[in-house]
Amino acid sequence: MMVFDEFTFFSDRHPGIIKAIHLVFPSSYHAYCLRHLVDNFVKQVMRSYPLHNKKHWSSIFKKAAYAPSKQEFEAHINNIILSMPLARDFITNSSPECWANALFPGNRWGAINNNIAESWNNWIKAA
């Protein structure tokens, strides 16, 4: 019989989910969905920089998330912060260890978003 001591949960960073996972599955990992994080980055940071290209800076943010090394992650993040200093607080407060491949302590099995759950939710609402 296989026993799994660790799970990796993906969510949109809802405070109730964050708290519940920690309480119910204390030895598990919690990964944040990149799609939701990028949406928040655009809404909370990019609105202060209306002349910046949203697609370009969203792609740099995604490159930071997918970066395989801490050095590459930091290079992308520093690029963002140099161009948009207000991004520093957003990035620091977003718990990068929960969304950046280079910093995530658990196993994500190559997944960085919860698109399959979003598809299920959209389908089941109609049913």
C-alpha atoms as a PDB file:
ATOM      1  CA  MET A   1       0.000   0.000   0.000  1.00  0.00           C
ATOM      2  CA  MET A   2       1.365   3.401  -0.986  1.00  0.00           C
ATOM      3  CA  VAL A   3       1.269   6.181   1.561  1.00  0.00           C
ATOM      4  CA  PHE A   4       1.625   9.742   0.425  1.00  0.00           C
ATOM      5  CA  ASP A   5       3.077  12.048   3.053  1.00  0.00           C
ATOM      6  CA  GLU A   6       3.190  15.086   0.823  1.00  0.00           C
ATOM      7  CA  PHE A   7       0.714  16.668  -1.524  1.00  0.00           C
ATOM      8  CA  THR A   8       0.994  19.798  -3.621  1.00  0.00           C
ATOM      9  CA  PHE A   9      -2.139  21.902  -3.748  1.00  0.00           C
ATOM     10  CA  PHE A  10      -2.706  24.636  -6.329  1.00  0.00           C
ATOM     11  CA  SER A  11      -4.945  27.620  -5.638  1.00  0.00           C
ATOM     12  CA  ASP A  12      -5.636  31.237  -6.469  1.00  0.00           C
ATOM     13  CA  ARG A  13      -4.201  32.417  -3.095  1.00  0.00           C
ATOM     14  CA  HIS A  14      -7.571  32.692  -1.372  1.00  0.00           C
ATOM     15  CA  PRO A  15      -6.806  33.319   2.334  1.00  0.00           C
ATOM     16  CA  GLY A  16      -9.232  30.614   3.498  1.00  0.00           C
ATOM     17  CA  ILE A  17      -7.615  28.008   1.250  1.00  0.00           C
ATOM     18  CA  ILE A  18      -4.126  29.020   2.379  1.00  0.00           C
ATOM     19  CA  LYS A  19      -5.121  28.607   6.032  1.00  0.00           C
ATOM     20  CA  ALA A  20      -7.039  25.349   5.509  1.00  0.00           C
ATOM     21  CA  ILE A  21      -4.259  23.609   3.604  1.00  0.00           C
ATOM     22  CA  HIS A  22      -1.767  24.479   6.324  1.00  0.00           C
ATOM     23  CA  LEU A  23      -4.112  23.179   9.050  1.00  0.00           C
ATOM     24  CA  VAL A  24      -5.435  20.032   7.367  1.00  0.00           C
ATOM     25  CA  PHE A  25      -2.323  18.999   5.415  1.00  0.00           C
ATOM     26  CA  PRO A  26       0.602  20.449   7.420  1.00  0.00           C
ATOM     27  CA  SER A  27       3.301  18.467   5.597  1.00  0.00           C
ATOM     28  CA  SER A  28       2.003  19.406   2.157  1.00  0.00           C
ATOM     29  CA  TYR A  29       2.979  22.176  -0.217  1.00  0.00           C
ATOM     30  CA  HIS A  30       0.853  24.989  -1.520  1.00  0.00           C
ATOM     31  CA  ALA A  31       1.535  26.320  -5.003  1.00  0.00           C
ATOM     32  CA  TYR A  32      -0.078  29.441  -6.380  1.00  0.00           C
ATOM     33  CA  CYS A  33      -1.634  29.416  -9.822  1.00  0.00           C
ATOM     34  CA  LEU A  34       0.459  31.536 -12.177  1.00  0.00           C
ATOM     35  CA  ARG A  35      -2.544  32.670 -14.222  1.00  0.00           C
ATOM     36  CA  HIS A  36      -4.202  34.202 -11.167  1.00  0.00           C
ATOM     37  CA  LEU A  37      -0.918  35.692 -10.010  1.00  0.00           C
ATOM     38  CA  VAL A  38      -0.267  37.349 -13.376  1.00  0.00           C
ATOM     39  CA  ASP A  39      -3.824  38.738 -13.364  1.00  0.00           C
ATOM     40  CA  ASN A  40      -3.157  40.250  -9.943  1.00  0.00           C
ATOM     41  CA  PHE A  41       0.223  41.595 -11.104  1.00  0.00           C
ATOM     42  CA  VAL A  42      -1.456  43.373 -14.014  1.00  0.00           C
ATOM     43  CA  LYS A  43      -4.265  44.757 -11.838  1.00  0.00           C
ATOM     44  CA  GLN A  44      -2.193  45.769  -8.828  1.00  0.00           C
ATOM     45  CA  VAL A  45       1.146  46.793 -10.349  1.00  0.00           C
ATOM     46  CA  MET A  46       0.663  47.581 -14.019  1.00  0.00           C
ATOM     47  CA  ARG A  47      -2.144  50.065 -13.332  1.00  0.00           C
ATOM     48  CA  SER A  48       0.503  52.348 -11.826  1.00  0.00           C
ATOM     49  CA  TYR A  49       2.468  52.160 -15.087  1.00  0.00           C
ATOM     50  CA  PRO A  50      -0.061  52.807 -17.885  1.00  0.00           C
ATOM     51  CA  LEU A  51       2.644  53.373 -20.498  1.00  0.00           C
ATOM     52  CA  HIS A  52       4.257  49.969 -19.915  1.00  0.00           C
ATOM     53  CA  ASN A  53       3.356  47.128 -22.268  1.00  0.00           C
ATOM     54  CA  LYS A  54       1.251  44.673 -20.236  1.00  0.00           C
ATOM     55  CA  LYS A  55       1.958  41.677 -22.471  1.00  0.00           C
ATOM     56  CA  HIS A  56       5.705  42.261 -22.361  1.00  0.00           C
ATOM     57  CA  TRP A  57       5.906  42.626 -18.582  1.00  0.00           C
ATOM     58  CA  SER A  58       3.489  39.751 -17.992  1.00  0.00           C
ATOM     59  CA  SER A  59       5.772  37.554 -20.096  1.00  0.00           C
ATOM     60  CA  ILE A  60       8.815  38.643 -18.052  1.00  0.00           C
ATOM     61  CA  PHE A  61       6.899  37.806 -14.880  1.00  0.00           C
ATOM     62  CA  LYS A  62       6.087  34.363 -16.319  1.00  0.00           C
ATOM     63  CA  LYS A  63       9.745  33.860 -17.261  1.00  0.00           C
ATOM     64  CA  ALA A  64      10.637  34.523 -13.623  1.00  0.00           C
ATOM     65  CA  ALA A  65       8.085  31.922 -12.502  1.00  0.00           C
ATOM     66  CA  TYR A  66       9.359  29.287 -14.938  1.00  0.00           C
ATOM     67  CA  ALA A  67      13.062  30.037 -14.345  1.00  0.00           C
ATOM     68  CA  PRO A  68      14.882  26.845 -13.335  1.00  0.00           C
ATOM     69  CA  SER A  69      17.497  28.579 -11.167  1.00  0.00           C
ATOM     70  CA  LYS A  70      17.401  31.192  -8.441  1.00  0.00           C
ATOM     71  CA  GLN A  71      19.904  33.285 -10.397  1.00  0.00           C
ATOM     72  CA  GLU A  72      17.683  33.358 -13.499  1.00  0.00           C
ATOM     73  CA  PHE A  73      14.596  34.053 -11.354  1.00  0.00           C
ATOM     74  CA  GLU A  74      16.324  36.995  -9.675  1.00  0.00           C
ATOM     75  CA  ALA A  75      17.512  38.393 -13.022  1.00  0.00           C
ATOM     76  CA  HIS A  76      13.929  38.540 -14.326  1.00  0.00           C
ATOM     77  CA  ILE A  77      12.569  39.953 -11.062  1.00  0.00           C
ATOM     78  CA  ASN A  78      15.294  42.598 -10.944  1.00  0.00           C
ATOM     79  CA  ASN A  79      14.430  43.558 -14.523  1.00  0.00           C
ATOM     80  CA  ILE A  80      10.809  44.082 -13.476  1.00  0.00           C
ATOM     81  CA  ILE A  81      11.684  46.057 -10.346  1.00  0.00           C
ATOM     82  CA  LEU A  82      14.138  48.304 -12.210  1.00  0.00           C
ATOM     83  CA  SER A  83      11.375  49.261 -14.609  1.00  0.00           C
ATOM     84  CA  MET A  84       8.555  49.296 -12.058  1.00  0.00           C
ATOM     85  CA  PRO A  85       9.795  49.925  -8.506  1.00  0.00           C
ATOM     86  CA  LEU A  86       6.288  49.493  -7.074  1.00  0.00           C
ATOM     87  CA  ALA A  87       6.431  45.840  -8.150  1.00  0.00           C
ATOM     88  CA  ARG A  88       8.880  45.052  -5.336  1.00  0.00           C
ATOM     89  CA  ASP A  89       6.183  45.004  -2.637  1.00  0.00           C
ATOM     90  CA  PHE A  90       3.788  42.960  -4.773  1.00  0.00           C
ATOM     91  CA  ILE A  91       6.462  40.359  -5.517  1.00  0.00           C
ATOM     92  CA  THR A  92       7.703  40.175  -1.928  1.00  0.00           C
ATOM     93  CA  ASN A  93       4.169  39.893  -0.523  1.00  0.00           C
ATOM     94  CA  SER A  94       3.132  37.266  -3.093  1.00  0.00           C
ATOM     95  CA  SER A  95       5.309  34.544  -1.493  1.00  0.00           C
ATOM     96  CA  PRO A  96       7.521  33.696  -4.498  1.00  0.00           C
ATOM     97  CA  GLU A  97       8.432  30.379  -2.873  1.00  0.00           C
ATOM     98  CA  CYS A  98       4.842  29.335  -3.663  1.00  0.00           C
ATOM     99  CA  TRP A  99       4.908  30.183  -7.380  1.00  0.00           C
ATOM    100  CA  ALA A 100       8.483  30.331  -8.673  1.00  0.00           C
ATOM    101  CA  ASN A 101       9.936  27.022  -9.864  1.00  0.00           C
ATOM    102  CA  ALA A 102      13.402  27.968  -8.644  1.00  0.00           C
ATOM    103  CA  LEU A 103      12.163  28.602  -5.095  1.00  0.00           C
ATOM    104  CA  PHE A 104       9.367  26.062  -4.675  1.00  0.00           C
ATOM    105  CA  PRO A 105      10.409  23.456  -2.070  1.00  0.00           C
ATOM    106  CA  GLY A 106       7.984  20.708  -3.126  1.00  0.00           C
ATOM    107  CA  ASN A 107       7.233  18.884  -6.339  1.00  0.00           C
ATOM    108  CA  ARG A 108       5.003  20.562  -8.907  1.00  0.00           C
ATOM    109  CA  TRP A 109       5.235  17.810 -11.537  1.00  0.00           C
ATOM    110  CA  GLY A 110       5.682  20.452 -14.215  1.00  0.00           C
ATOM    111  CA  ALA A 111       2.388  22.185 -13.417  1.00  0.00           C
ATOM    112  CA  ILE A 112       2.332  25.894 -12.725  1.00  0.00           C
ATOM    113  CA  ASN A 113      -1.372  26.675 -12.958  1.00  0.00           C
ATOM    114  CA  ASN A 114      -4.719  25.143 -12.103  1.00  0.00           C
ATOM    115  CA  ASN A 115      -6.294  25.416 -15.555  1.00  0.00           C
ATOM    116  CA  ILE A 116      -7.743  21.906 -15.386  1.00  0.00           C
ATOM    117  CA  ALA A 117      -9.647  22.819 -12.204  1.00  0.00           C
ATOM    118  CA  GLU A 118     -10.860  26.037 -13.814  1.00  0.00           C
ATOM    119  CA  SER A 119     -12.128  24.063 -16.818  1.00  0.00           C
ATOM    120  CA  TRP A 120     -13.945  21.645 -14.530  1.00  0.00           C
ATOM    121  CA  ASN A 121     -15.500  24.502 -12.530  1.00  0.00           C
ATOM    122  CA  ASN A 122     -16.761  26.207 -15.671  1.00  0.00           C
ATOM    123  CA  TRP A 123     -18.209  22.972 -17.026  1.00  0.00           C
ATOM    124  CA  ILE A 124     -19.890  21.865 -13.801  1.00  0.00           C
ATOM    125  CA  LYS A 125     -21.589  25.257 -13.240  1.00  0.00           C
ATOM    126  CA  ALA A 126     -23.779  24.644 -16.264  1.00  0.00           C
ATOM    127  CA  ALA A 127     -24.681  21.146 -15.067  1.00  0.00           C
END
